Amino acid sequence: MAKVVHFEIPAADPNKTVEFFSNCFGWRFNRWGETDYYLTESGPGDEPGIEGAVMKRNHPDQPVVNTIQVEDLDSTIRAIEENGGEIVVPKQTIPGVGTHCYFKDPSGYIHGAMQSQAGTTG
C-alpha cells in the first residue's frame, strides 16, 4: 500500500501563511532551497501525522495537494492513466529527494506521487 507522506499548502504570500500556522498551531518552518518553499515542523516525529510545506502559489486555483509515496513512479503513472486519472505535471526529478509528478483522479482532484531516491525516506 502507498501512504500519504507530504502535503503542500499554496499561498499568495507564503510568509504570511507561515506566520499564521506558526502563531495558531506552533508549527516551525525551514526554507528549502532558494525558492519560497517552507518545510513544516509540526511536532515530534514519533507522533501521528505527516509533514508538508507552504509554497508560493503558481496559479489562483492551485489546491492543497497531498503526495503519495510509491515504489515505482513509472508504473504508478501508467496505472493512473489506465484507471481514469490524468497526469497534469509530468515526472520530474527533485535533486536529493526523488522523482515526482502531479495527477488528477477521476473526480478532478489533484494529488502528487513520489518515488524516493534510493536511501531517502518520504
Protein backbone atom coordinates (compact mmCIF):
# COMPACT_ATOMS: atom_id res chain seq x y z
CA MET A 1 0.00 0.00 0.00
CA ALA A 2 1.07 3.58 -0.62
CA LYS A 3 0.78 6.24 2.09
CA VAL A 4 0.29 9.99 2.01
CA VAL A 5 3.68 11.33 3.08
CA HIS A 6 3.61 15.07 2.35
CA PHE A 7 1.23 17.99 1.85
CA GLU A 8 1.64 21.34 0.12
CA ILE A 9 -0.27 24.50 1.01
CA PRO A 10 -0.05 27.05 -1.83
CA ALA A 11 -0.14 30.69 -0.72
CA ALA A 12 -0.16 34.07 -2.44
CA ASP A 13 2.05 35.30 0.43
CA PRO A 14 3.99 32.34 1.87
CA ASN A 15 5.48 34.42 4.70
CA LYS A 16 2.02 35.47 5.90
CA THR A 17 0.82 31.83 5.75
CA VAL A 18 3.92 30.61 7.61
CA GLU A 19 3.26 33.23 10.29
CA PHE A 20 -0.40 32.16 10.53
CA PHE A 21 0.39 28.46 11.10
CA SER A 22 3.22 29.35 13.49
CA ASN A 23 1.00 31.62 15.59
CA CYS A 24 -2.10 29.41 15.54
CA PHE A 25 -0.58 25.93 15.83
CA GLY A 26 3.02 26.39 16.96
CA TRP A 27 4.47 25.00 13.72
CA ARG A 28 8.07 25.80 12.82
CA PHE A 29 9.27 26.23 9.25
CA ASN A 30 12.56 25.81 7.42
CA ARG A 31 13.12 27.33 4.00
CA TRP A 32 14.10 24.67 1.44
CA GLY A 33 16.35 25.85 -1.36
CA GLU A 34 16.25 29.30 -2.86
CA THR A 35 12.52 29.36 -3.63
CA ASP A 36 9.51 30.27 -1.48
CA TYR A 37 9.12 26.71 -0.19
CA TYR A 38 8.96 26.29 3.59
CA LEU A 39 9.01 22.80 5.12
CA THR A 40 6.90 22.26 8.23
CA GLU A 41 7.97 21.04 11.63
CA SER A 42 4.61 20.35 13.24
CA GLY A 43 5.51 18.01 16.07
CA PRO A 44 7.68 15.14 17.24
CA GLY A 45 8.44 12.52 14.59
CA ASP A 46 7.18 9.69 16.81
CA GLU A 47 3.65 11.18 16.96
CA PRO A 48 0.97 10.53 14.29
CA GLY A 49 0.82 12.87 11.31
CA ILE A 50 2.74 13.94 8.26
CA GLU A 51 4.85 16.97 7.45
CA GLY A 52 4.47 19.24 4.48
CA ALA A 53 5.25 22.68 3.17
CA VAL A 54 3.92 26.14 2.45
CA MET A 55 4.81 27.24 -1.05
CA LYS A 56 4.34 30.19 -3.38
CA ARG A 57 1.09 29.68 -5.27
CA ASN A 58 1.66 29.25 -9.03
CA HIS A 59 -1.97 29.63 -10.12
CA PRO A 60 -5.02 31.26 -8.46
CA ASP A 61 -6.90 27.93 -8.40
CA GLN A 62 -3.96 25.84 -7.13
CA PRO A 63 -5.29 23.47 -4.44
CA VAL A 64 -3.77 21.99 -1.31
CA VAL A 65 -2.07 18.78 -2.51
CA ASN A 66 -1.30 15.52 -0.73
CA THR A 67 1.61 13.48 -2.07
CA ILE A 68 1.57 9.67 -2.04
CA GLN A 69 4.82 7.70 -1.70
CA VAL A 70 5.16 4.97 -4.36
CA GLU A 71 7.76 2.32 -5.09
CA ASP A 72 7.84 2.78 -8.87
CA LEU A 73 6.68 6.12 -10.28
CA ASP A 74 6.64 4.95 -13.92
CA SER A 75 4.29 2.05 -13.19
CA THR A 76 2.16 4.32 -10.98
CA ILE A 77 1.82 6.82 -13.84
CA ARG A 78 0.67 4.01 -16.14
CA ALA A 79 -1.84 2.84 -13.51
CA ILE A 80 -3.17 6.38 -13.04
CA GLU A 81 -3.74 6.80 -16.78
CA GLU A 82 -5.23 3.30 -17.21
CA ASN A 83 -7.70 3.94 -14.39
CA GLY A 84 -9.16 7.26 -15.49
CA GLY A 85 -6.61 9.65 -14.00
CA GLU A 86 -4.62 12.31 -15.81
CA ILE A 87 -1.02 13.42 -15.35
CA VAL A 88 -1.07 17.22 -15.02
CA VAL A 89 2.63 17.82 -14.26
CA PRO A 90 4.94 15.20 -15.80
CA LYS A 91 7.56 13.25 -13.92
CA GLN A 92 10.34 15.49 -12.69
CA THR A 93 13.44 14.98 -10.59
CA ILE A 94 13.77 16.71 -7.24
CA PRO A 95 17.53 16.65 -6.52
CA GLY A 96 18.38 14.71 -3.37
CA VAL A 97 14.74 13.63 -2.91
CA GLY A 98 13.50 11.53 -5.85
CA THR A 99 11.06 11.75 -8.76
CA HIS A 100 7.61 13.28 -8.59
CA CYS A 101 4.52 14.06 -10.67
CA TYR A 102 1.12 15.63 -10.12
CA PHE A 103 -2.08 13.96 -11.29
CA LYS A 104 -5.85 14.35 -11.27
CA ASP A 105 -8.01 11.49 -10.03
CA PRO A 106 -11.27 10.69 -11.92
CA SER A 107 -13.11 13.28 -9.77
CA GLY A 108 -10.68 16.01 -10.86
CA TYR A 109 -8.76 16.38 -7.58
CA ILE A 110 -5.02 16.97 -7.84
CA HIS A 111 -2.53 14.80 -5.93
CA GLY A 112 1.20 14.14 -6.06
CA ALA A 113 3.01 10.83 -6.45
CA MET A 114 6.65 10.48 -5.43
CA GLN A 115 9.30 7.80 -5.68
CA SER A 116 12.09 8.48 -3.19
CA GLN A 117 15.68 8.46 -4.28
CA ALA A 118 17.46 5.33 -3.06
CA GLY A 119 18.44 5.75 0.57
CA THR A 120 15.94 8.53 1.36
CA THR A 121 12.55 8.40 3.01
CA GLY A 122 9.30 10.26 2.31
